[in-house]
PDB file of all heavy atoms in Angstrom:
ATOM      1  N   VAL A   1       3.621   9.445   6.020  1.00  0.00           N
ATOM      2  CA  VAL A   1       2.946  10.125   4.958  1.00  0.00           C
ATOM      3  C   VAL A   1       1.582   9.469   4.693  1.00  0.00           C
ATOM      4  O   VAL A   1       1.401   8.261   4.972  1.00  0.00           O
ATOM      5  CB  VAL A   1       3.744  10.131   3.602  1.00  0.00           C
ATOM      6  CG1 VAL A   1       5.043  10.889   3.757  1.00  0.00           C
ATOM      7  CG2 VAL A   1       3.988   8.701   3.171  1.00  0.00           C
ATOM      8  N   GLU A   2       0.652  10.242   4.256  1.00  0.00           N
ATOM      9  CA  GLU A   2      -0.699   9.716   3.947  1.00  0.00           C
ATOM     10  C   GLU A   2      -0.729   9.223   2.493  1.00  0.00           C
ATOM     11  O   GLU A   2      -0.253   9.920   1.585  1.00  0.00           O
ATOM     12  CB  GLU A   2      -1.717  10.860   4.150  1.00  0.00           C
ATOM     13  CG  GLU A   2      -3.147  10.385   4.171  1.00  0.00           C
ATOM     14  CD  GLU A   2      -4.094  11.563   4.547  1.00  0.00           C
ATOM     15  OE1 GLU A   2      -4.349  12.363   3.671  1.00  0.00           O
ATOM     16  OE2 GLU A   2      -4.521  11.625   5.705  1.00  0.00           O
ATOM     17  N   VAL A   3      -1.291   8.076   2.303  1.00  0.00           N
ATOM     18  CA  VAL A   3      -1.351   7.490   0.965  1.00  0.00           C
ATOM     19  C   VAL A   3      -2.810   7.082   0.634  1.00  0.00           C
ATOM     20  O   VAL A   3      -3.585   6.732   1.547  1.00  0.00           O
ATOM     21  CB  VAL A   3      -0.465   6.237   0.809  1.00  0.00           C
ATOM     22  CG1 VAL A   3       1.032   6.648   0.968  1.00  0.00           C
ATOM     23  CG2 VAL A   3      -0.838   5.164   1.768  1.00  0.00           C
ATOM     24  N   PRO A   4      -3.188   7.122  -0.619  1.00  0.00           N
ATOM     25  CA  PRO A   4      -4.541   6.704  -0.999  1.00  0.00           C
ATOM     26  C   PRO A   4      -4.658   5.202  -1.192  1.00  0.00           C
ATOM     27  O   PRO A   4      -3.691   4.562  -1.665  1.00  0.00           O
ATOM     28  CB  PRO A   4      -4.759   7.440  -2.330  1.00  0.00           C
ATOM     29  CG  PRO A   4      -3.439   7.480  -2.921  1.00  0.00           C
ATOM     30  CD  PRO A   4      -2.459   7.628  -1.778  1.00  0.00           C
ATOM     31  N   THR A   5      -5.783   4.611  -0.843  1.00  0.00           N
ATOM     32  CA  THR A   5      -6.099   3.225  -1.154  1.00  0.00           C
ATOM     33  C   THR A   5      -7.568   3.229  -1.633  1.00  0.00           C
ATOM     34  O   THR A   5      -8.298   4.205  -1.455  1.00  0.00           O
ATOM     35  CB  THR A   5      -5.979   2.309   0.056  1.00  0.00           C
ATOM     36  OG1 THR A   5      -7.061   2.564   0.980  1.00  0.00           O
ATOM     37  CG2 THR A   5      -4.645   2.561   0.772  1.00  0.00           C
ATOM     38  N   ILE A   6      -7.972   2.137  -2.240  1.00  0.00           N
ATOM     39  CA  ILE A   6      -9.356   2.055  -2.714  1.00  0.00           C
ATOM     40  C   ILE A   6     -10.336   1.906  -1.569  1.00  0.00           C
ATOM     41  O   ILE A   6     -11.534   1.973  -1.747  1.00  0.00           O
ATOM     42  CB  ILE A   6      -9.578   0.928  -3.742  1.00  0.00           C
ATOM     43  CG1 ILE A   6      -9.050  -0.412  -3.199  1.00  0.00           C
ATOM     44  CG2 ILE A   6      -8.917   1.270  -5.061  1.00  0.00           C
ATOM     45  CD1 ILE A   6      -9.289  -1.558  -4.143  1.00  0.00           C
ATOM     46  N   ASP A   7      -9.804   1.718  -0.341  1.00  0.00           N
ATOM     47  CA  ASP A   7     -10.607   1.656   0.849  1.00  0.00           C
ATOM     48  C   ASP A   7     -10.713   3.036   1.525  1.00  0.00           C
ATOM     49  O   ASP A   7     -11.537   3.225   2.405  1.00  0.00           O
ATOM     50  CB  ASP A   7     -10.046   0.668   1.890  1.00  0.00           C
ATOM     51  CG  ASP A   7     -10.082  -0.748   1.388  1.00  0.00           C
ATOM     52  OD1 ASP A   7     -11.164  -1.240   1.039  1.00  0.00           O
ATOM     53  OD2 ASP A   7      -9.030  -1.422   1.340  1.00  0.00           O
ATOM     54  N   GLY A   8      -9.883   3.973   1.084  1.00  0.00           N
ATOM     55  CA  GLY A   8      -9.852   5.270   1.720  1.00  0.00           C
ATOM     56  C   GLY A   8      -8.421   5.674   2.040  1.00  0.00           C
ATOM     57  O   GLY A   8      -7.451   5.133   1.419  1.00  0.00           O
ATOM     58  N   LYS A   9      -8.236   6.578   2.994  1.00  0.00           N
ATOM     59  CA  LYS A   9      -6.893   7.012   3.339  1.00  0.00           C
ATOM     60  C   LYS A   9      -6.200   6.016   4.279  1.00  0.00           C
ATOM     61  O   LYS A   9      -6.815   5.341   5.072  1.00  0.00           O
ATOM     62  CB  LYS A   9      -6.972   8.380   4.033  1.00  0.00           C
ATOM     63  CG  LYS A   9      -7.562   9.517   3.190  1.00  0.00           C
ATOM     64  CD  LYS A   9      -7.639  10.807   4.002  1.00  0.00           C
ATOM     65  CE  LYS A   9      -8.255  11.939   3.156  1.00  0.00           C
ATOM     66  NZ  LYS A   9      -8.365  13.163   3.936  1.00  0.00           N
ATOM     67  N   SER A  10      -4.851   6.020   4.133  1.00  0.00           N
ATOM     68  CA  SER A  10      -4.034   5.172   5.005  1.00  0.00           C
ATOM     69  C   SER A  10      -2.709   5.867   5.184  1.00  0.00           C
ATOM     70  O   SER A  10      -2.389   6.850   4.473  1.00  0.00           O
ATOM     71  CB  SER A  10      -3.807   3.794   4.372  1.00  0.00           C
ATOM     72  OG  SER A  10      -3.160   2.947   5.225  1.00  0.00           O
ATOM     73  N   LYS A  11      -1.902   5.439   6.165  1.00  0.00           N
ATOM     74  CA  LYS A  11      -0.639   6.053   6.425  1.00  0.00           C
ATOM     75  C   LYS A  11       0.493   5.023   6.401  1.00  0.00           C
ATOM     76  O   LYS A  11       0.249   3.859   6.855  1.00  0.00           O
ATOM     77  CB  LYS A  11      -0.637   6.792   7.794  1.00  0.00           C
ATOM     78  CG  LYS A  11      -1.500   8.045   7.797  1.00  0.00           C
ATOM     79  CD  LYS A  11      -1.391   8.775   9.110  1.00  0.00           C
ATOM     80  CE  LYS A  11      -2.208  10.049   9.107  1.00  0.00           C
ATOM     81  NZ  LYS A  11      -2.077  10.805  10.408  1.00  0.00           N
ATOM     82  N   ILE A  12       1.631   5.369   5.916  1.00  0.00           N
ATOM     83  CA  ILE A  12       2.804   4.510   5.958  1.00  0.00           C
ATOM     84  C   ILE A  12       3.982   5.254   6.553  1.00  0.00           C
ATOM     85  O   ILE A  12       4.059   6.480   6.456  1.00  0.00           O
ATOM     86  CB  ILE A  12       3.188   3.998   4.536  1.00  0.00           C
ATOM     87  CG1 ILE A  12       3.520   5.127   3.615  1.00  0.00           C
ATOM     88  CG2 ILE A  12       2.082   3.128   3.954  1.00  0.00           C
ATOM     89  CD1 ILE A  12       4.069   4.707   2.245  1.00  0.00           C
ATOM     90  N   LYS A  13       4.884   4.522   7.224  1.00  0.00           N
ATOM     91  CA  LYS A  13       6.069   5.120   7.800  1.00  0.00           C
ATOM     92  C   LYS A  13       7.197   5.123   6.803  1.00  0.00           C
ATOM     93  O   LYS A  13       7.512   4.064   6.150  1.00  0.00           O
ATOM     94  CB  LYS A  13       6.447   4.352   9.052  1.00  0.00           C
ATOM     95  CG  LYS A  13       5.486   4.566  10.208  1.00  0.00           C
ATOM     96  CD  LYS A  13       5.999   3.893  11.477  1.00  0.00           C
ATOM     97  CE  LYS A  13       5.072   4.162  12.674  1.00  0.00           C
ATOM     98  NZ  LYS A  13       5.560   3.521  13.918  1.00  0.00           N
ATOM     99  N   ILE A  14       7.807   6.253   6.589  1.00  0.00           N
ATOM    100  CA  ILE A  14       8.955   6.389   5.694  1.00  0.00           C
ATOM    101  C   ILE A  14      10.244   6.322   6.532  1.00  0.00           C
ATOM    102  O   ILE A  14      10.465   7.212   7.386  1.00  0.00           O
ATOM    103  CB  ILE A  14       8.894   7.730   4.911  1.00  0.00           C
ATOM    104  CG1 ILE A  14       7.586   7.861   4.137  1.00  0.00           C
ATOM    105  CG2 ILE A  14      10.122   7.839   4.005  1.00  0.00           C
ATOM    106  CD1 ILE A  14       7.367   6.826   3.077  1.00  0.00           C
ATOM    107  N   PRO A  15      11.017   5.291   6.352  1.00  0.00           N
ATOM    108  CA  PRO A  15      12.294   5.180   7.137  1.00  0.00           C
ATOM    109  C   PRO A  15      13.245   6.320   6.809  1.00  0.00           C
ATOM    110  O   PRO A  15      13.195   6.856   5.705  1.00  0.00           O
ATOM    111  CB  PRO A  15      12.825   3.829   6.738  1.00  0.00           C
ATOM    112  CG  PRO A  15      11.701   3.085   6.114  1.00  0.00           C
ATOM    113  CD  PRO A  15      10.873   4.136   5.441  1.00  0.00           C
ATOM    114  N   GLU A  16      14.103   6.610   7.752  1.00  0.00           N
ATOM    115  CA  GLU A  16      15.152   7.605   7.509  1.00  0.00           C
ATOM    116  C   GLU A  16      16.066   7.125   6.374  1.00  0.00           C
ATOM    117  O   GLU A  16      16.419   5.968   6.320  1.00  0.00           O
ATOM    118  CB  GLU A  16      15.956   7.780   8.770  1.00  0.00           C
ATOM    119  CG  GLU A  16      17.068   8.802   8.713  1.00  0.00           C
ATOM    120  CD  GLU A  16      17.833   8.938  10.014  1.00  0.00           C
ATOM    121  OE1 GLU A  16      17.171   8.879  11.101  1.00  0.00           O
ATOM    122  OE2 GLU A  16      19.087   9.107   9.999  1.00  0.00           O
ATOM    123  N   GLY A  17      16.389   8.063   5.445  1.00  0.00           N
ATOM    124  CA  GLY A  17      17.286   7.697   4.326  1.00  0.00           C
ATOM    125  C   GLY A  17      16.596   6.948   3.219  1.00  0.00           C
ATOM    126  O   GLY A  17      17.270   6.181   2.477  1.00  0.00           O
ATOM    127  N   THR A  18      15.275   7.051   3.072  1.00  0.00           N
ATOM    128  CA  THR A  18      14.561   6.349   2.013  1.00  0.00           C
ATOM    129  C   THR A  18      15.012   6.860   0.630  1.00  0.00           C
ATOM    130  O   THR A  18      15.059   8.063   0.387  1.00  0.00           O
ATOM    131  CB  THR A  18      13.012   6.516   2.148  1.00  0.00           C
ATOM    132  OG1 THR A  18      12.607   5.873   3.370  1.00  0.00           O
ATOM    133  CG2 THR A  18      12.281   5.972   0.972  1.00  0.00           C
ATOM    134  N   GLN A  19      15.314   5.950  -0.273  1.00  0.00           N
ATOM    135  CA  GLN A  19      15.778   6.278  -1.592  1.00  0.00           C
ATOM    136  C   GLN A  19      14.639   6.344  -2.618  1.00  0.00           C
ATOM    137  O   GLN A  19      13.553   5.714  -2.375  1.00  0.00           O
ATOM    138  CB  GLN A  19      16.838   5.290  -2.100  1.00  0.00           C
ATOM    139  CG  GLN A  19      18.019   5.156  -1.223  1.00  0.00           C
ATOM    140  CD  GLN A  19      18.792   6.467  -1.089  1.00  0.00           C
ATOM    141  OE1 GLN A  19      19.069   7.142  -2.119  1.00  0.00           O
ATOM    142  NE2 GLN A  19      19.148   6.885   0.124  1.00  0.00           N
ATOM    143  N   ASN A  20      14.832   7.047  -3.727  1.00  0.00           N
ATOM    144  CA  ASN A  20      13.854   7.118  -4.780  1.00  0.00           C
ATOM    145  C   ASN A  20      13.604   5.671  -5.313  1.00  0.00           C
ATOM    146  O   ASN A  20      14.543   4.923  -5.570  1.00  0.00           O
ATOM    147  CB  ASN A  20      14.355   8.006  -5.901  1.00  0.00           C
ATOM    148  CG  ASN A  20      13.279   8.237  -6.952  1.00  0.00           C
ATOM    149  OD1 ASN A  20      12.240   8.764  -6.661  1.00  0.00           O
ATOM    150  ND2 ASN A  20      13.576   7.830  -8.165  1.00  0.00           N
ATOM    151  N   GLY A  21      12.321   5.303  -5.513  1.00  0.00           N
ATOM    152  CA  GLY A  21      11.954   4.014  -6.054  1.00  0.00           C
ATOM    153  C   GLY A  21      11.754   2.955  -4.988  1.00  0.00           C
ATOM    154  O   GLY A  21      11.413   1.814  -5.320  1.00  0.00           O
ATOM    155  N   LYS A  22      11.848   3.355  -3.743  1.00  0.00           N
ATOM    156  CA  LYS A  22      11.546   2.402  -2.608  1.00  0.00           C
ATOM    157  C   LYS A  22      10.117   1.904  -2.763  1.00  0.00           C
ATOM    158  O   LYS A  22       9.190   2.669  -3.048  1.00  0.00           O
ATOM    159  CB  LYS A  22      11.749   3.078  -1.274  1.00  0.00           C
ATOM    160  CG  LYS A  22      11.352   2.313  -0.082  1.00  0.00           C
ATOM    161  CD  LYS A  22      12.321   1.172   0.249  1.00  0.00           C
ATOM    162  CE  LYS A  22      11.926   0.501   1.541  1.00  0.00           C
ATOM    163  NZ  LYS A  22      12.839  -0.662   1.835  1.00  0.00           N
ATOM    164  N   VAL A  23       9.886   0.606  -2.593  1.00  0.00           N
ATOM    165  CA  VAL A  23       8.574  -0.004  -2.741  1.00  0.00           C
ATOM    166  C   VAL A  23       8.020  -0.503  -1.427  1.00  0.00           C
ATOM    167  O   VAL A  23       8.711  -1.111  -0.621  1.00  0.00           O
ATOM    168  CB  VAL A  23       8.654  -1.184  -3.754  1.00  0.00           C
ATOM    169  CG1 VAL A  23       7.298  -1.902  -3.813  1.00  0.00           C
ATOM    170  CG2 VAL A  23       9.058  -0.700  -5.149  1.00  0.00           C
ATOM    171  N   PHE A  24       6.748  -0.154  -1.191  1.00  0.00           N
ATOM    172  CA  PHE A  24       6.032  -0.649  -0.036  1.00  0.00           C
ATOM    173  C   PHE A  24       4.818  -1.477  -0.489  1.00  0.00           C
ATOM    174  O   PHE A  24       4.183  -1.118  -1.479  1.00  0.00           O
ATOM    175  CB  PHE A  24       5.516   0.534   0.819  1.00  0.00           C
ATOM    176  CG  PHE A  24       6.645   1.355   1.415  1.00  0.00           C
ATOM    177  CD1 PHE A  24       7.232   2.371   0.730  1.00  0.00           C
ATOM    178  CD2 PHE A  24       7.072   1.071   2.720  1.00  0.00           C
ATOM    179  CE1 PHE A  24       8.235   3.139   1.293  1.00  0.00           C
ATOM    180  CE2 PHE A  24       8.085   1.842   3.302  1.00  0.00           C
ATOM    181  CZ  PHE A  24       8.676   2.883   2.588  1.00  0.00           C
ATOM    182  N   ARG A  25       4.512  -2.535   0.172  1.00  0.00           N
ATOM    183  CA  ARG A  25       3.376  -3.363  -0.155  1.00  0.00           C
ATOM    184  C   ARG A  25       2.316  -3.308   0.943  1.00  0.00           C
ATOM    185  O   ARG A  25       2.633  -3.628   2.147  1.00  0.00           O
ATOM    186  CB  ARG A  25       3.785  -4.812  -0.360  1.00  0.00           C
ATOM    187  CG  ARG A  25       2.610  -5.728  -0.711  1.00  0.00           C
ATOM    188  CD  ARG A  25       3.089  -7.197  -0.803  1.00  0.00           C
ATOM    189  NE  ARG A  25       3.912  -7.388  -1.999  1.00  0.00           N
ATOM    190  CZ  ARG A  25       3.434  -7.756  -3.202  1.00  0.00           C
ATOM    191  NH1 ARG A  25       2.123  -7.926  -3.322  1.00  0.00           N
ATOM    192  NH2 ARG A  25       4.241  -7.913  -4.203  1.00  0.00           N
ATOM    193  N   LEU A  26       1.117  -2.896   0.585  1.00  0.00           N
ATOM    194  CA  LEU A  26       0.014  -2.888   1.552  1.00  0.00           C
ATOM    195  C   LEU A  26      -0.880  -4.107   1.241  1.00  0.00           C
ATOM    196  O   LEU A  26      -1.568  -4.124   0.244  1.00  0.00           O
ATOM    197  CB  LEU A  26      -0.802  -1.613   1.415  1.00  0.00           C
ATOM    198  CG  LEU A  26      -0.064  -0.292   1.624  1.00  0.00           C
ATOM    199  CD1 LEU A  26      -1.028   0.878   1.540  1.00  0.00           C
ATOM    200  CD2 LEU A  26       0.682  -0.274   2.953  1.00  0.00           C
ATOM    201  N   ARG A  27      -0.790  -5.110   2.056  1.00  0.00           N
ATOM    202  CA  ARG A  27      -1.534  -6.333   1.799  1.00  0.00           C
ATOM    203  C   ARG A  27      -3.049  -6.133   2.031  1.00  0.00           C
ATOM    204  O   ARG A  27      -3.458  -5.337   2.817  1.00  0.00           O
ATOM    205  CB  ARG A  27      -1.007  -7.453   2.672  1.00  0.00           C
ATOM    206  CG  ARG A  27       0.468  -7.764   2.420  1.00  0.00           C
ATOM    207  CD  ARG A  27       0.946  -9.009   3.128  1.00  0.00           C
ATOM    208  NE  ARG A  27       2.375  -9.242   2.880  1.00  0.00           N
ATOM    209  CZ  ARG A  27       2.853  -9.761   1.786  1.00  0.00           C
ATOM    210  NH1 ARG A  27       2.038 -10.188   0.837  1.00  0.00           N
ATOM    211  NH2 ARG A  27       4.169  -9.967   1.677  1.00  0.00           N
ATOM    212  N   GLU A  28      -3.808  -6.911   1.235  1.00  0.00           N
ATOM    213  CA  GLU A  28      -5.304  -6.894   1.337  1.00  0.00           C
ATOM    214  C   GLU A  28      -5.826  -5.497   0.950  1.00  0.00           C
ATOM    215  O   GLU A  28      -6.882  -5.078   1.513  1.00  0.00           O
ATOM    216  CB  GLU A  28      -5.755  -7.299   2.733  1.00  0.00           C
ATOM    217  CG  GLU A  28      -5.321  -8.685   3.145  1.00  0.00           C
ATOM    218  CD  GLU A  28      -6.000  -9.770   2.300  1.00  0.00           C
ATOM    219  OE1 GLU A  28      -7.166  -9.651   2.027  1.00  0.00           O
ATOM    220  OE2 GLU A  28      -5.280 -10.739   1.928  1.00  0.00           O
ATOM    221  N   LYS A  29      -5.149  -4.759   0.132  1.00  0.00           N
ATOM    222  CA  LYS A  29      -5.646  -3.432  -0.321  1.00  0.00           C
ATOM    223  C   LYS A  29      -5.841  -3.405  -1.861  1.00  0.00           C
ATOM    224  O   LYS A  29      -5.970  -2.297  -2.403  1.00  0.00           O
ATOM    225  CB  LYS A  29      -4.684  -2.353   0.127  1.00  0.00           C
ATOM    226  CG  LYS A  29      -4.545  -2.165   1.642  1.00  0.00           C
ATOM    227  CD  LYS A  29      -5.856  -1.601   2.205  1.00  0.00           C
ATOM    228  CE  LYS A  29      -5.708  -1.305   3.669  1.00  0.00           C
ATOM    229  NZ  LYS A  29      -6.985  -0.818   4.280  1.00  0.00           N
ATOM    230  N   GLY A  30      -5.825  -4.556  -2.484  1.00  0.00           N
ATOM    231  CA  GLY A  30      -5.985  -4.573  -3.926  1.00  0.00           C
ATOM    232  C   GLY A  30      -7.350  -5.025  -4.378  1.00  0.00           C
ATOM    233  O   GLY A  30      -8.363  -4.708  -3.717  1.00  0.00           O
ATOM    234  N   ILE A  31      -7.436  -5.699  -5.521  1.00  0.00           N
ATOM    235  CA  ILE A  31      -8.688  -6.183  -6.106  1.00  0.00           C
ATOM    236  C   ILE A  31      -9.072  -7.503  -5.549  1.00  0.00           C
ATOM    237  O   ILE A  31      -8.254  -8.414  -5.389  1.00  0.00           O
ATOM    238  CB  ILE A  31      -8.539  -6.271  -7.652  1.00  0.00           C
ATOM    239  CG1 ILE A  31      -8.076  -4.974  -8.235  1.00  0.00           C
ATOM    240  CG2 ILE A  31      -9.889  -6.701  -8.241  1.00  0.00           C
ATOM    241  CD1 ILE A  31      -9.026  -3.815  -8.086  1.00  0.00           C
ATOM    242  N   THR A  32     -10.386  -7.662  -5.214  1.00  0.00           N
ATOM    243  CA  THR A  32     -10.887  -8.939  -4.742  1.00  0.00           C
ATOM    244  C   THR A  32     -11.363  -9.794  -5.903  1.00  0.00           C
ATOM    245  O   THR A  32     -12.058  -9.331  -6.827  1.00  0.00           O
ATOM    246  CB  THR A  32     -12.070  -8.718  -3.800  1.00  0.00           C
ATOM    247  OG1 THR A  32     -11.637  -7.891  -2.696  1.00  0.00           O
ATOM    248  CG2 THR A  32     -12.635 -10.042  -3.279  1.00  0.00           C
ATOM    249  N   GLN A  33     -10.937 -11.047  -5.919  1.00  0.00           N
ATOM    250  CA  GLN A  33     -11.346 -11.974  -6.959  1.00  0.00           C
ATOM    251  C   GLN A  33     -11.280 -13.399  -6.433  1.00  0.00           C
ATOM    252  O   GLN A  33     -10.327 -13.815  -5.830  1.00  0.00           O
ATOM    253  CB  GLN A  33     -10.459 -11.849  -8.208  1.00  0.00           C
ATOM    254  CG  GLN A  33     -10.972 -12.618  -9.413  1.00  0.00           C
ATOM    255  CD  GLN A  33     -10.117 -12.377 -10.625  1.00  0.00           C
ATOM    256  OE1 GLN A  33      -8.930 -12.559 -10.582  1.00  0.00           O
ATOM    257  NE2 GLN A  33     -10.753 -11.952 -11.722  1.00  0.00           N
ATOM    258  N   SER A  34     -12.427 -14.105  -6.614  1.00  0.00           N
ATOM    259  CA  SER A  34     -12.530 -15.474  -6.124  1.00  0.00           C
ATOM    260  C   SER A  34     -12.248 -15.616  -4.651  1.00  0.00           C
ATOM    261  O   SER A  34     -11.581 -16.568  -4.220  1.00  0.00           O
ATOM    262  CB  SER A  34     -11.626 -16.400  -6.951  1.00  0.00           C
ATOM    263  OG  SER A  34     -11.967 -16.331  -8.319  1.00  0.00           O
ATOM    264  N   GLY A  35     -12.661 -14.636  -3.899  1.00  0.00           N
ATOM    265  CA  GLY A  35     -12.494 -14.687  -2.422  1.00  0.00           C
ATOM    266  C   GLY A  35     -11.126 -14.248  -1.946  1.00  0.00           C
ATOM    267  O   GLY A  35     -10.898 -14.191  -0.722  1.00  0.00           O
ATOM    268  N   ARG A  36     -10.207 -13.971  -2.869  1.00  0.00           N
ATOM    269  CA  ARG A  36      -8.886 -13.516  -2.460  1.00  0.00           C
ATOM    270  C   ARG A  36      -8.666 -12.069  -2.904  1.00  0.00           C
ATOM    271  O   ARG A  36      -9.136 -11.626  -3.942  1.00  0.00           O
ATOM    272  CB  ARG A  36      -7.799 -14.374  -3.110  1.00  0.00           C
ATOM    273  CG  ARG A  36      -7.848 -15.816  -2.637  1.00  0.00           C
ATOM    274  CD  ARG A  36      -6.691 -16.604  -3.220  1.00  0.00           C
ATOM    275  NE  ARG A  36      -6.695 -18.034  -2.772  1.00  0.00           N
ATOM    276  CZ  ARG A  36      -5.815 -18.909  -3.104  1.00  0.00           C
ATOM    277  NH1 ARG A  36      -4.822 -18.576  -4.015  1.00  0.00           N
ATOM    278  NH2 ARG A  36      -5.855 -20.128  -2.659  1.00  0.00           N
ATOM    279  N   ARG A  37      -7.905 -11.357  -2.107  1.00  0.00           N
ATOM    280  CA  ARG A  37      -7.682  -9.939  -2.382  1.00  0.00           C
ATOM    281  C   ARG A  37      -6.179  -9.678  -2.569  1.00  0.00           C
ATOM    282  O   ARG A  37      -5.372 -10.152  -1.843  1.00  0.00           O
ATOM    283  CB  ARG A  37      -8.229  -9.069  -1.264  1.00  0.00           C
ATOM    284  CG  ARG A  37      -8.255  -7.571  -1.614  1.00  0.00           C
ATOM    285  CD  ARG A  37      -9.015  -6.755  -0.619  1.00  0.00           C
ATOM    286  NE  ARG A  37      -9.013  -5.390  -1.048  1.00  0.00           N
ATOM    287  CZ  ARG A  37      -9.458  -4.335  -0.316  1.00  0.00           C
ATOM    288  NH1 ARG A  37      -9.937  -4.566   0.929  1.00  0.00           N
ATOM    289  NH2 ARG A  37      -9.440  -3.122  -0.743  1.00  0.00           N
ATOM    290  N   GLY A  38      -5.921  -8.866  -3.601  1.00  0.00           N
ATOM    291  CA  GLY A  38      -4.552  -8.543  -3.885  1.00  0.00           C
ATOM    292  C   GLY A  38      -4.004  -7.456  -3.016  1.00  0.00           C
ATOM    293  O   GLY A  38      -4.579  -7.079  -2.022  1.00  0.00           O
ATOM    294  N   SER A  39      -2.851  -6.897  -3.407  1.00  0.00           N
ATOM    295  CA  SER A  39      -2.155  -5.901  -2.587  1.00  0.00           C
ATOM    296  C   SER A  39      -2.109  -4.556  -3.364  1.00  0.00           C
ATOM    297  O   SER A  39      -2.317  -4.475  -4.529  1.00  0.00           O
ATOM    298  CB  SER A  39      -0.717  -6.332  -2.276  1.00  0.00           C
ATOM    299  OG  SER A  39      -0.706  -7.564  -1.606  1.00  0.00           O
ATOM    300  N   GLU A  40      -1.808  -3.517  -2.601  1.00  0.00           N
ATOM    301  CA  GLU A  40      -1.494  -2.242  -3.214  1.00  0.00           C
ATOM    302  C   GLU A  40       0.032  -2.056  -3.142  1.00  0.00           C
ATOM    303  O   GLU A  40       0.621  -2.145  -2.092  1.00  0.00           O
ATOM    304  CB  GLU A  40      -2.219  -1.071  -2.521  1.00  0.00           C
ATOM    305  CG  GLU A  40      -1.874   0.281  -3.151  1.00  0.00           C
ATOM    306  CD  GLU A  40      -2.673   1.444  -2.545  1.00  0.00           C
ATOM    307  OE1 GLU A  40      -3.714   1.199  -1.934  1.00  0.00           O
ATOM    308  OE2 GLU A  40      -2.139   2.583  -2.654  1.00  0.00           O
ATOM    309  N   ILE A  41       0.616  -1.808  -4.283  1.00  0.00           N
ATOM    310  CA  ILE A  41       2.059  -1.608  -4.371  1.00  0.00           C
ATOM    311  C   ILE A  41       2.341  -0.110  -4.514  1.00  0.00           C
ATOM    312  O   ILE A  41       1.974   0.529  -5.484  1.00  0.00           O
ATOM    313  CB  ILE A  41       2.698  -2.389  -5.533  1.00  0.00           C
ATOM    314  CG1 ILE A  41       2.172  -3.813  -5.623  1.00  0.00           C
ATOM    315  CG2 ILE A  41       4.212  -2.329  -5.507  1.00  0.00           C
ATOM    316  CD1 ILE A  41       2.466  -4.631  -4.414  1.00  0.00           C
TER     317      ILE A  41
END
């Protein structure tokens, strides 16, 4: 599936049998502060 990020579009793989509330972490897709960048959850 295609998901939005603040960098633009990205894609993630949905495993077979994914349940509601499943969480994926996209590293280095969050807010940059003091040289470090957070994640998109």
